[in-house]
C-alpha atoms as a PDB file:
ATOM      1  CA  MET A   1      12.674 -10.649  20.167  1.00  0.00           C
ATOM      2  CA  VAL A   2      11.639 -13.564  18.073  1.00  0.00           C
ATOM      3  CA  ALA A   3      12.730 -14.450  14.680  1.00  0.00           C
ATOM      4  CA  LEU A   4      12.462 -17.058  11.773  1.00  0.00           C
ATOM      5  CA  SER A   5      15.005 -19.625  11.613  1.00  0.00           C
ATOM      6  CA  ARG A   6      16.790 -20.087   8.176  1.00  0.00           C
ATOM      7  CA  THR A   7      14.465 -22.862   7.658  1.00  0.00           C
ATOM      8  CA  GLY A   8      11.332 -20.954   8.673  1.00  0.00           C
ATOM      9  CA  ARG A   9      11.996 -18.477   5.796  1.00  0.00           C
ATOM     10  CA  ALA A  10      12.888 -20.640   3.274  1.00  0.00           C
ATOM     11  CA  VAL A  11       9.333 -22.328   3.947  1.00  0.00           C
ATOM     12  CA  LEU A  12       7.561 -18.945   4.251  1.00  0.00           C
ATOM     13  CA  GLU A  13       9.298 -17.739   0.759  1.00  0.00           C
ATOM     14  CA  ALA A  14       7.986 -21.582  -0.911  1.00  0.00           C
ATOM     15  CA  ARG A  15       4.332 -20.595   0.485  1.00  0.00           C
ATOM     16  CA  ARG A  16       4.759 -17.118  -0.907  1.00  0.00           C
ATOM     17  CA  ARG A  17       5.909 -18.560  -4.381  1.00  0.00           C
ATOM     18  CA  GLU A  18       3.118 -20.713  -4.523  1.00  0.00           C
ATOM     19  CA  THR A  19       0.314 -18.780  -3.525  1.00  0.00           C
ATOM     20  CA  ALA A  20       1.348 -16.151  -6.141  1.00  0.00           C
ATOM     21  CA  ALA A  21       1.272 -18.930  -8.432  1.00  0.00           C
ATOM     22  CA  ARG A  22      -1.667 -20.149  -7.616  1.00  0.00           C
ATOM     23  CA  LEU A  23      -3.006 -16.297  -7.795  1.00  0.00           C
ATOM     24  CA  ALA A  24      -1.437 -15.967 -11.361  1.00  0.00           C
ATOM     25  CA  GLU A  25      -3.151 -19.334 -12.482  1.00  0.00           C
ATOM     26  CA  GLN A  26      -7.059 -17.717 -11.676  1.00  0.00           C
ATOM     27  CA  ILE A  27      -6.123 -14.546 -12.908  1.00  0.00           C
ATOM     28  CA  ALA A  28      -5.173 -15.704 -16.152  1.00  0.00           C
ATOM     29  CA  LEU A  29      -8.791 -17.341 -16.106  1.00  0.00           C
ATOM     30  CA  LEU A  30     -10.417 -13.802 -16.144  1.00  0.00           C
ATOM     31  CA  THR A  31     -11.613 -12.231 -18.982  1.00  0.00           C
ATOM     32  CA  ALA A  32      -9.247  -8.909 -20.336  1.00  0.00           C
ATOM     33  CA  GLU A  33     -11.872  -6.583 -18.939  1.00  0.00           C
ATOM     34  CA  GLU A  34     -12.006  -8.090 -15.712  1.00  0.00           C
ATOM     35  CA  GLN A  35      -7.730  -8.221 -15.529  1.00  0.00           C
ATOM     36  CA  ARG A  36      -8.255  -4.591 -16.591  1.00  0.00           C
ATOM     37  CA  ALA A  37     -10.562  -3.720 -13.646  1.00  0.00           C
ATOM     38  CA  LEU A  38      -8.278  -5.505 -11.095  1.00  0.00           C
ATOM     39  CA  TYR A  39      -5.305  -3.828 -12.394  1.00  0.00           C
ATOM     40  CA  ALA A  40      -7.367  -0.198 -12.307  1.00  0.00           C
ATOM     41  CA  ALA A  41      -7.863  -1.489  -8.703  1.00  0.00           C
ATOM     42  CA  LEU A  42      -4.383  -2.232  -7.391  1.00  0.00           C
ATOM     43  CA  PRO A  43      -3.817   1.598  -5.961  1.00  0.00           C
ATOM     44  CA  ALA A  44      -6.690   1.134  -3.668  1.00  0.00           C
ATOM     45  CA  LEU A  45      -5.858  -2.074  -2.804  1.00  0.00           C
ATOM     46  CA  GLU A  46      -2.369  -1.261  -2.060  1.00  0.00           C
ATOM     47  CA  ALA A  47      -3.334   1.971   0.477  1.00  0.00           C
ATOM     48  CA  LEU A  48      -5.666  -0.757   2.221  1.00  0.00           C
ATOM     49  CA  SER A  49      -2.908  -3.038   2.410  1.00  0.00           C
ATOM     50  CA  GLU A  50      -0.967  -0.298   3.784  1.00  0.00           C
ATOM     51  CA  ARG A  51      -3.744   1.029   6.045  1.00  0.00           C
ATOM     52  CA  ALA A  52      -4.189  -2.379   7.292  1.00  0.00           C
ATOM     53  CA  ALA A  53      -0.397  -2.900   8.365  1.00  0.00           C
ATOM     54  CA  THR A  54      -0.203   0.558   9.973  1.00  0.00           C
ATOM     55  CA  TYR A  55      -3.220  -0.003  11.902  1.00  0.00           C
ATOM     56  CA  PRO A  56      -4.027  -3.479  12.418  1.00  0.00           C
ATOM     57  CA  GLY A  57      -7.423  -4.607  13.399  1.00  0.00           C
ATOM     58  CA  GLU A  58      -8.781  -1.149  12.340  1.00  0.00           C
ATOM     59  CA  LEU A  59     -11.442  -0.883   8.842  1.00  0.00           C
ATOM     60  CA  PRO A  60     -11.258   2.363   6.871  1.00  0.00           C
ATOM     61  CA  ARG A  61     -14.028   4.771   7.956  1.00  0.00           C
ATOM     62  CA  GLY A  62     -17.333   3.847   5.654  1.00  0.00           C
ATOM     63  CA  ILE A  63     -16.803   0.051   6.186  1.00  0.00           C
END
């Protein structure tokens, strides 16, 4: 069994916060129309993410 140390978890969480902050900054630069399109695409992106987590290394059909 492998587990992160307390320090490792703290580093991981800090990196996730930094990544989320950078992404939020980039999204803020999009036009309102682009932001709406991104928001509309979220369900499909979430489905792809769930599929990737369930079947790592496999691409959905048609890709």
